[in-house]
Amino acid sequence: MPQTSVVGTAGTQVADANRRAQIRLELAANYFQAGRLDVAMDEVGQALAAKPDYADAYGLLGLILMQNQDWTQAEIAMRKAVDLNPRDGNQIHNYGWMQCQQKHFDVAQQWFDRALQAPGYREQPRTLLAKGMCYQQAGQLEQAYQNMFRAYEMDVGNPAAGYNLANVLWLKGDLKKAQFYIRRLNNNSNQASAESLWLGIKIDRALHDDIGVRQQADQLRERFPQSRQWLAYERGAFNE
């Protein structure tokens, strides 16, 4: 009986520590989303103090360090997250994204592919979009298009997928297709942004569609009058 009591107490202590770590990590994630990186870093430290082998905490620490452009420490934190949970597609994806941001494009693609193959991973559209964006940064526009199109097909309602697909088609010079996808996005007032309207204006201008330019410019002025895109439109700075 005494032995059982000790085991039970130890189990309770572990459960309490795990709960504290989870609460701290949730706070850290909220602060990270709000851009309060120093506070987020402190909360992650508290989470790891409670649970030193917390893979998700190391993953968030890596994202914070990425934001601070502390690439060496971000690499250490993200590799720790992957090592602790090598089947976690989210951690693998984030490590690939970090590699892309450092222009290690081939390495990034390998990690994205590994994320896509992770058991139980359900964020395929996000990783396909990241693959496409990374290919675009590398100047490989056809591969970028192929992955972005797959991401879009799997998540048609995602405005980021629609915008990036239209943008890569614009860069490829496929203006009619680019126009189709950006209009589908901008016709939904809940999804249109200053950035997407500006892309739509540039595409319509290249196609000499004066009506389309005017309609989207009106939306841009009415909804985003302080945006840099509207200011650029007023200056006629279409190549910025």
C-alpha atoms as a PDB file:
ATOM      1  CA  MET A   1       0.000   0.000   0.000  1.00  0.00           C
ATOM      2  CA  PRO A   2       2.688   2.608   0.789  1.00  0.00           C
ATOM      3  CA  GLN A   3       4.282   1.889  -2.582  1.00  0.00           C
ATOM      4  CA  THR A   4       0.947   2.396  -4.345  1.00  0.00           C
ATOM      5  CA  SER A   5       0.507   5.702  -2.544  1.00  0.00           C
ATOM      6  CA  VAL A   6       3.899   6.952  -3.670  1.00  0.00           C
ATOM      7  CA  VAL A   7       3.201   5.945  -7.253  1.00  0.00           C
ATOM      8  CA  GLY A   8      -0.170   7.629  -7.111  1.00  0.00           C
ATOM      9  CA  THR A   9       1.345  10.840  -5.751  1.00  0.00           C
ATOM     10  CA  ALA A  10       4.028  10.820  -8.431  1.00  0.00           C
ATOM     11  CA  GLY A  11       1.407  10.299 -11.113  1.00  0.00           C
ATOM     12  CA  THR A  12      -0.620  13.221  -9.778  1.00  0.00           C
ATOM     13  CA  GLN A  13       2.452  15.442  -9.778  1.00  0.00           C
ATOM     14  CA  VAL A  14       3.204  14.544 -13.397  1.00  0.00           C
ATOM     15  CA  ALA A  15      -0.391  15.231 -14.403  1.00  0.00           C
ATOM     16  CA  ASP A  16      -0.301  18.608 -12.632  1.00  0.00           C
ATOM     17  CA  ALA A  17       2.984  19.504 -14.317  1.00  0.00           C
ATOM     18  CA  ASN A  18       1.594  18.561 -17.715  1.00  0.00           C
ATOM     19  CA  ARG A  19      -1.498  20.671 -17.088  1.00  0.00           C
ATOM     20  CA  ARG A  20       0.611  23.669 -16.056  1.00  0.00           C
ATOM     21  CA  ALA A  21       2.764  23.240 -19.142  1.00  0.00           C
ATOM     22  CA  GLN A  22      -0.288  23.134 -21.404  1.00  0.00           C
ATOM     23  CA  ILE A  23      -1.755  26.287 -19.861  1.00  0.00           C
ATOM     24  CA  ARG A  24       1.562  28.116 -20.208  1.00  0.00           C
ATOM     25  CA  LEU A  25       1.877  27.029 -23.829  1.00  0.00           C
ATOM     26  CA  GLU A  26      -1.639  28.232 -24.640  1.00  0.00           C
ATOM     27  CA  LEU A  27      -0.777  31.607 -23.129  1.00  0.00           C
ATOM     28  CA  ALA A  28       2.471  31.675 -25.088  1.00  0.00           C
ATOM     29  CA  ALA A  29       0.621  30.950 -28.334  1.00  0.00           C
ATOM     30  CA  ASN A  30      -1.821  33.794 -27.665  1.00  0.00           C
ATOM     31  CA  TYR A  31       0.993  36.236 -26.946  1.00  0.00           C
ATOM     32  CA  PHE A  32       2.825  35.043 -30.064  1.00  0.00           C
ATOM     33  CA  GLN A  33      -0.242  35.682 -32.210  1.00  0.00           C
ATOM     34  CA  ALA A  34      -0.511  39.156 -30.677  1.00  0.00           C
ATOM     35  CA  GLY A  35       3.128  39.893 -31.545  1.00  0.00           C
ATOM     36  CA  ARG A  36       4.265  40.063 -27.914  1.00  0.00           C
ATOM     37  CA  LEU A  37       7.288  37.888 -28.488  1.00  0.00           C
ATOM     38  CA  ASP A  38       9.145  38.573 -25.242  1.00  0.00           C
ATOM     39  CA  VAL A  39       6.142  37.568 -23.130  1.00  0.00           C
ATOM     40  CA  ALA A  40       5.544  34.544 -25.358  1.00  0.00           C
ATOM     41  CA  MET A  41       9.159  33.504 -24.844  1.00  0.00           C
ATOM     42  CA  ASP A  42       8.755  33.753 -21.062  1.00  0.00           C
ATOM     43  CA  GLU A  43       5.613  31.618 -21.136  1.00  0.00           C
ATOM     44  CA  VAL A  44       7.317  28.971 -23.269  1.00  0.00           C
ATOM     45  CA  GLY A  45      10.129  28.904 -20.730  1.00  0.00           C
ATOM     46  CA  GLN A  46       7.579  28.272 -17.978  1.00  0.00           C
ATOM     47  CA  ALA A  47       6.009  25.476 -20.032  1.00  0.00           C
ATOM     48  CA  LEU A  48       9.376  23.796 -20.518  1.00  0.00           C
ATOM     49  CA  ALA A  49      10.229  24.209 -16.848  1.00  0.00           C
ATOM     50  CA  ALA A  50       7.091  22.230 -16.021  1.00  0.00           C
ATOM     51  CA  LYS A  51       7.576  19.681 -18.808  1.00  0.00           C
ATOM     52  CA  PRO A  52      11.131  19.593 -20.203  1.00  0.00           C
ATOM     53  CA  ASP A  53      10.278  17.134 -22.988  1.00  0.00           C
ATOM     54  CA  TYR A  54       7.329  19.149 -24.360  1.00  0.00           C
ATOM     55  CA  ALA A  55       7.713  18.951 -28.145  1.00  0.00           C
ATOM     56  CA  ASP A  56       5.017  21.541 -28.891  1.00  0.00           C
ATOM     57  CA  ALA A  57       6.735  24.046 -26.595  1.00  0.00           C
ATOM     58  CA  TYR A  58      10.016  23.613 -28.440  1.00  0.00           C
ATOM     59  CA  GLY A  59       8.130  24.042 -31.709  1.00  0.00           C
ATOM     60  CA  LEU A  60       6.598  27.342 -30.612  1.00  0.00           C
ATOM     61  CA  LEU A  61       9.956  28.460 -29.235  1.00  0.00           C
ATOM     62  CA  GLY A  62      11.394  27.847 -32.691  1.00  0.00           C
ATOM     63  CA  LEU A  63       8.686  29.996 -34.302  1.00  0.00           C
ATOM     64  CA  ILE A  64       9.360  32.821 -31.853  1.00  0.00           C
ATOM     65  CA  LEU A  65      13.086  32.644 -32.545  1.00  0.00           C
ATOM     66  CA  MET A  66      12.350  32.658 -36.280  1.00  0.00           C
ATOM     67  CA  GLN A  67      10.401  35.886 -35.842  1.00  0.00           C
ATOM     68  CA  ASN A  68      13.427  37.320 -34.066  1.00  0.00           C
ATOM     69  CA  GLN A  69      15.610  35.993 -36.922  1.00  0.00           C
ATOM     70  CA  ASP A  70      17.721  34.064 -34.459  1.00  0.00           C
ATOM     71  CA  TRP A  71      18.205  31.263 -36.944  1.00  0.00           C
ATOM     72  CA  THR A  72      20.787  29.283 -35.001  1.00  0.00           C
ATOM     73  CA  GLN A  73      18.646  28.965 -31.889  1.00  0.00           C
ATOM     74  CA  ALA A  74      15.495  28.455 -33.961  1.00  0.00           C
ATOM     75  CA  GLU A  75      17.185  25.525 -35.674  1.00  0.00           C
ATOM     76  CA  ILE A  76      18.069  23.966 -32.321  1.00  0.00           C
ATOM     77  CA  ALA A  77      14.540  24.392 -30.931  1.00  0.00           C
ATOM     78  CA  MET A  78      12.781  23.068 -34.016  1.00  0.00           C
ATOM     79  CA  ARG A  79      15.053  20.066 -34.346  1.00  0.00           C
ATOM     80  CA  LYS A  80      14.384  19.311 -30.684  1.00  0.00           C
ATOM     81  CA  ALA A  81      10.633  19.436 -31.377  1.00  0.00           C
ATOM     82  CA  VAL A  82      10.992  17.020 -34.292  1.00  0.00           C
ATOM     83  CA  ASP A  83      13.324  14.715 -32.376  1.00  0.00           C
ATOM     84  CA  LEU A  84      10.861  14.515 -29.480  1.00  0.00           C
ATOM     85  CA  ASN A  85       7.926  13.789 -31.786  1.00  0.00           C
ATOM     86  CA  PRO A  86       9.245  12.623 -35.172  1.00  0.00           C
ATOM     87  CA  ARG A  87       5.766  11.727 -36.468  1.00  0.00           C
ATOM     88  CA  ASP A  88       4.251  15.180 -35.874  1.00  0.00           C
ATOM     89  CA  GLY A  89       3.541  16.614 -39.315  1.00  0.00           C
ATOM     90  CA  ASN A  90       3.053  20.133 -37.949  1.00  0.00           C
ATOM     91  CA  GLN A  91       6.536  20.265 -36.447  1.00  0.00           C
ATOM     92  CA  ILE A  92       8.022  18.790 -39.622  1.00  0.00           C
ATOM     93  CA  HIS A  93       6.166  21.392 -41.720  1.00  0.00           C
ATOM     94  CA  ASN A  94       7.444  24.244 -39.546  1.00  0.00           C
ATOM     95  CA  TYR A  95      11.003  22.989 -39.822  1.00  0.00           C
ATOM     96  CA  GLY A  96      10.643  22.938 -43.606  1.00  0.00           C
ATOM     97  CA  TRP A  97       9.279  26.476 -43.583  1.00  0.00           C
ATOM     98  CA  MET A  98      12.249  27.652 -41.544  1.00  0.00           C
ATOM     99  CA  GLN A  99      14.581  26.113 -44.117  1.00  0.00           C
ATOM    100  CA  CYS A 100      12.724  27.918 -46.896  1.00  0.00           C
ATOM    101  CA  GLN A 101      13.031  31.261 -45.102  1.00  0.00           C
ATOM    102  CA  GLN A 102      16.784  30.738 -45.039  1.00  0.00           C
ATOM    103  CA  LYS A 103      16.721  29.969 -48.781  1.00  0.00           C
ATOM    104  CA  HIS A 104      17.634  26.316 -48.257  1.00  0.00           C
ATOM    105  CA  PHE A 105      15.046  25.503 -50.885  1.00  0.00           C
ATOM    106  CA  ASP A 106      15.927  21.886 -51.700  1.00  0.00           C
ATOM    107  CA  VAL A 107      16.157  20.955 -48.031  1.00  0.00           C
ATOM    108  CA  ALA A 108      12.834  22.674 -47.357  1.00  0.00           C
ATOM    109  CA  GLN A 109      11.081  20.645 -50.048  1.00  0.00           C
ATOM    110  CA  GLN A 110      12.354  17.412 -48.520  1.00  0.00           C
ATOM    111  CA  TRP A 111      10.878  18.356 -45.164  1.00  0.00           C
ATOM    112  CA  PHE A 112       7.570  19.423 -46.700  1.00  0.00           C
ATOM    113  CA  ASP A 113       7.348  16.051 -48.448  1.00  0.00           C
ATOM    114  CA  ARG A 114       8.073  14.345 -45.161  1.00  0.00           C
ATOM    115  CA  ALA A 115       5.252  16.305 -43.497  1.00  0.00           C
ATOM    116  CA  LEU A 116       2.824  15.271 -46.229  1.00  0.00           C
ATOM    117  CA  GLN A 117       3.685  11.635 -45.560  1.00  0.00           C
ATOM    118  CA  ALA A 118       3.377  11.878 -41.765  1.00  0.00           C
ATOM    119  CA  PRO A 119       0.769   9.477 -40.318  1.00  0.00           C
ATOM    120  CA  GLY A 120      -2.465  11.225 -39.419  1.00  0.00           C
ATOM    121  CA  TYR A 121      -1.370  14.599 -40.801  1.00  0.00           C
ATOM    122  CA  ARG A 122      -4.409  16.572 -41.964  1.00  0.00           C
ATOM    123  CA  GLU A 123      -2.894  19.875 -43.031  1.00  0.00           C
ATOM    124  CA  GLN A 124      -1.962  18.837 -46.563  1.00  0.00           C
ATOM    125  CA  PRO A 125      -3.357  22.029 -48.169  1.00  0.00           C
ATOM    126  CA  ARG A 126      -1.217  24.187 -45.873  1.00  0.00           C
ATOM    127  CA  THR A 127       1.936  22.236 -46.679  1.00  0.00           C
ATOM    128  CA  LEU A 128       1.212  22.144 -50.415  1.00  0.00           C
ATOM    129  CA  LEU A 129       0.750  25.921 -50.341  1.00  0.00           C
ATOM    130  CA  ALA A 130       4.027  26.295 -48.441  1.00  0.00           C
ATOM    131  CA  LYS A 131       5.748  24.069 -51.015  1.00  0.00           C
ATOM    132  CA  GLY A 132       4.406  26.301 -53.765  1.00  0.00           C
ATOM    133  CA  MET A 133       5.499  29.490 -52.050  1.00  0.00           C
ATOM    134  CA  CYS A 134       8.956  28.027 -51.476  1.00  0.00           C
ATOM    135  CA  TYR A 135       9.237  27.007 -55.132  1.00  0.00           C
ATOM    136  CA  GLN A 136       8.175  30.541 -56.085  1.00  0.00           C
ATOM    137  CA  GLN A 137      10.902  32.043 -53.907  1.00  0.00           C
ATOM    138  CA  ALA A 138      13.357  29.747 -55.684  1.00  0.00           C
ATOM    139  CA  GLY A 139      12.140  31.015 -59.066  1.00  0.00           C
ATOM    140  CA  GLN A 140      10.604  27.661 -60.033  1.00  0.00           C
ATOM    141  CA  LEU A 141       7.224  28.985 -61.107  1.00  0.00           C
ATOM    142  CA  GLU A 142       5.832  25.880 -62.791  1.00  0.00           C
ATOM    143  CA  GLN A 143       6.443  23.733 -59.700  1.00  0.00           C
ATOM    144  CA  ALA A 144       5.019  26.555 -57.600  1.00  0.00           C
ATOM    145  CA  TYR A 145       1.861  26.598 -59.703  1.00  0.00           C
ATOM    146  CA  GLN A 146       1.395  22.833 -59.557  1.00  0.00           C
ATOM    147  CA  ASN A 147       1.572  22.729 -55.769  1.00  0.00           C
ATOM    148  CA  MET A 148      -0.545  25.842 -55.275  1.00  0.00           C
ATOM    149  CA  PHE A 149      -3.209  24.457 -57.593  1.00  0.00           C
ATOM    150  CA  ARG A 150      -3.331  21.226 -55.578  1.00  0.00           C
ATOM    151  CA  ALA A 151      -3.610  23.257 -52.365  1.00  0.00           C
ATOM    152  CA  TYR A 152      -6.416  25.318 -53.875  1.00  0.00           C
ATOM    153  CA  GLU A 153      -8.319  22.248 -55.072  1.00  0.00           C
ATOM    154  CA  MET A 154      -8.200  20.790 -51.568  1.00  0.00           C
ATOM    155  CA  ASP A 155      -9.226  24.041 -49.837  1.00  0.00           C
ATOM    156  CA  VAL A 156     -11.130  26.250 -52.285  1.00  0.00           C
ATOM    157  CA  GLY A 157     -12.390  28.552 -49.554  1.00  0.00           C
ATOM    158  CA  ASN A 158      -8.922  29.482 -48.297  1.00  0.00           C
ATOM    159  CA  PRO A 159      -8.180  33.070 -49.408  1.00  0.00           C
ATOM    160  CA  ALA A 160      -4.419  32.549 -49.030  1.00  0.00           C
ATOM    161  CA  ALA A 161      -4.564  29.646 -51.479  1.00  0.00           C
ATOM    162  CA  GLY A 162      -6.643  31.653 -53.951  1.00  0.00           C
ATOM    163  CA  TYR A 163      -4.417  34.709 -53.749  1.00  0.00           C
ATOM    164  CA  ASN A 164      -1.149  32.826 -54.121  1.00  0.00           C
ATOM    165  CA  LEU A 165      -2.488  30.767 -57.024  1.00  0.00           C
ATOM    166  CA  ALA A 166      -3.563  33.926 -58.849  1.00  0.00           C
ATOM    167  CA  ASN A 167      -0.251  35.594 -58.051  1.00  0.00           C
ATOM    168  CA  VAL A 168       1.899  32.767 -59.424  1.00  0.00           C
ATOM    169  CA  LEU A 169      -0.226  32.691 -62.592  1.00  0.00           C
ATOM    170  CA  TRP A 170       0.339  36.451 -62.894  1.00  0.00           C
ATOM    171  CA  LEU A 171       4.081  35.924 -62.553  1.00  0.00           C
ATOM    172  CA  LYS A 172       3.938  33.164 -65.177  1.00  0.00           C
ATOM    173  CA  GLY A 173       2.140  35.526 -67.557  1.00  0.00           C
ATOM    174  CA  ASP A 174      -1.055  33.441 -67.663  1.00  0.00           C
ATOM    175  CA  LEU A 175      -3.252  36.490 -67.250  1.00  0.00           C
ATOM    176  CA  LYS A 176      -6.678  35.059 -68.066  1.00  0.00           C
ATOM    177  CA  LYS A 177      -6.312  32.248 -65.535  1.00  0.00           C
ATOM    178  CA  ALA A 178      -4.918  34.695 -62.989  1.00  0.00           C
ATOM    179  CA  GLN A 179      -7.919  36.943 -63.579  1.00  0.00           C
ATOM    180  CA  PHE A 180     -10.323  34.039 -63.064  1.00  0.00           C
ATOM    181  CA  TYR A 181      -8.925  33.080 -59.663  1.00  0.00           C
ATOM    182  CA  ILE A 182      -8.430  36.583 -58.305  1.00  0.00           C
ATOM    183  CA  ARG A 183     -11.957  37.567 -59.309  1.00  0.00           C
ATOM    184  CA  ARG A 184     -13.360  34.514 -57.594  1.00  0.00           C
ATOM    185  CA  LEU A 185     -11.576  35.710 -54.460  1.00  0.00           C
ATOM    186  CA  ASN A 186     -12.350  39.414 -54.740  1.00  0.00           C
ATOM    187  CA  ASN A 187     -16.019  38.859 -55.543  1.00  0.00           C
ATOM    188  CA  ASN A 188     -16.353  37.534 -51.990  1.00  0.00           C
ATOM    189  CA  SER A 189     -16.257  40.712 -49.928  1.00  0.00           C
ATOM    190  CA  ASN A 190     -15.429  38.753 -46.767  1.00  0.00           C
ATOM    191  CA  GLN A 191     -12.248  37.388 -48.335  1.00  0.00           C
ATOM    192  CA  ALA A 192     -11.008  40.302 -50.434  1.00  0.00           C
ATOM    193  CA  SER A 193      -8.050  42.200 -48.998  1.00  0.00           C
ATOM    194  CA  ALA A 194      -6.118  45.274 -50.066  1.00  0.00           C
ATOM    195  CA  GLU A 195      -3.436  42.944 -51.393  1.00  0.00           C
ATOM    196  CA  SER A 196      -5.852  40.804 -53.424  1.00  0.00           C
ATOM    197  CA  LEU A 197      -7.671  43.832 -54.848  1.00  0.00           C
ATOM    198  CA  TRP A 198      -4.352  45.370 -55.855  1.00  0.00           C
ATOM    199  CA  LEU A 199      -3.337  42.176 -57.633  1.00  0.00           C
ATOM    200  CA  GLY A 200      -6.712  42.128 -59.382  1.00  0.00           C
ATOM    201  CA  ILE A 201      -6.218  45.718 -60.523  1.00  0.00           C
ATOM    202  CA  LYS A 202      -2.779  44.949 -61.953  1.00  0.00           C
ATOM    203  CA  ILE A 203      -4.057  41.869 -63.781  1.00  0.00           C
ATOM    204  CA  ASP A 204      -7.055  43.708 -65.260  1.00  0.00           C
ATOM    205  CA  ARG A 205      -4.835  46.610 -66.251  1.00  0.00           C
ATOM    206  CA  ALA A 206      -2.500  44.222 -68.097  1.00  0.00           C
ATOM    207  CA  LEU A 207      -5.552  42.783 -69.880  1.00  0.00           C
ATOM    208  CA  HIS A 208      -6.817  46.310 -70.714  1.00  0.00           C
ATOM    209  CA  ASP A 209     -10.010  45.620 -68.762  1.00  0.00           C
ATOM    210  CA  ASP A 210     -10.812  49.181 -67.727  1.00  0.00           C
ATOM    211  CA  ILE A 211     -14.133  48.260 -66.145  1.00  0.00           C
ATOM    212  CA  GLY A 212     -12.515  45.617 -63.955  1.00  0.00           C
ATOM    213  CA  VAL A 213      -9.792  48.047 -62.913  1.00  0.00           C
ATOM    214  CA  ARG A 214     -12.342  50.692 -61.964  1.00  0.00           C
ATOM    215  CA  GLN A 215     -14.569  48.303 -60.015  1.00  0.00           C
ATOM    216  CA  GLN A 216     -11.720  46.934 -57.925  1.00  0.00           C
ATOM    217  CA  ALA A 217     -10.201  50.370 -57.438  1.00  0.00           C
ATOM    218  CA  ASP A 218     -13.547  51.547 -56.053  1.00  0.00           C
ATOM    219  CA  GLN A 219     -13.526  48.647 -53.585  1.00  0.00           C
ATOM    220  CA  LEU A 220      -9.943  49.399 -52.624  1.00  0.00           C
ATOM    221  CA  ARG A 221     -10.726  53.070 -51.988  1.00  0.00           C
ATOM    222  CA  GLU A 222     -13.898  52.384 -50.026  1.00  0.00           C
ATOM    223  CA  ARG A 223     -12.605  49.536 -47.873  1.00  0.00           C
ATOM    224  CA  PHE A 224      -8.880  50.236 -47.521  1.00  0.00           C
ATOM    225  CA  PRO A 225      -8.379  53.996 -48.015  1.00  0.00           C
ATOM    226  CA  GLN A 226      -5.244  54.096 -45.831  1.00  0.00           C
ATOM    227  CA  SER A 227      -3.583  51.059 -47.398  1.00  0.00           C
ATOM    228  CA  ARG A 228      -0.261  51.295 -49.219  1.00  0.00           C
ATOM    229  CA  GLN A 229      -2.002  49.637 -52.181  1.00  0.00           C
ATOM    230  CA  TRP A 230      -4.508  52.485 -52.495  1.00  0.00           C
ATOM    231  CA  LEU A 231      -1.748  55.057 -52.152  1.00  0.00           C
ATOM    232  CA  ALA A 232       0.187  53.248 -54.892  1.00  0.00           C
ATOM    233  CA  TYR A 233      -2.909  53.260 -57.109  1.00  0.00           C
ATOM    234  CA  GLU A 234      -3.324  57.001 -56.642  1.00  0.00           C
ATOM    235  CA  ARG A 235       0.303  57.511 -57.684  1.00  0.00           C
ATOM    236  CA  GLY A 236      -0.079  55.171 -60.646  1.00  0.00           C
ATOM    237  CA  ALA A 237       2.735  53.045 -59.213  1.00  0.00           C
ATOM    238  CA  PHE A 238       1.575  49.750 -60.708  1.00  0.00           C
ATOM    239  CA  ASN A 239       5.029  48.160 -60.800  1.00  0.00           C
ATOM    240  CA  GLU A 240       5.830  48.494 -57.107  1.00  0.00           C
END
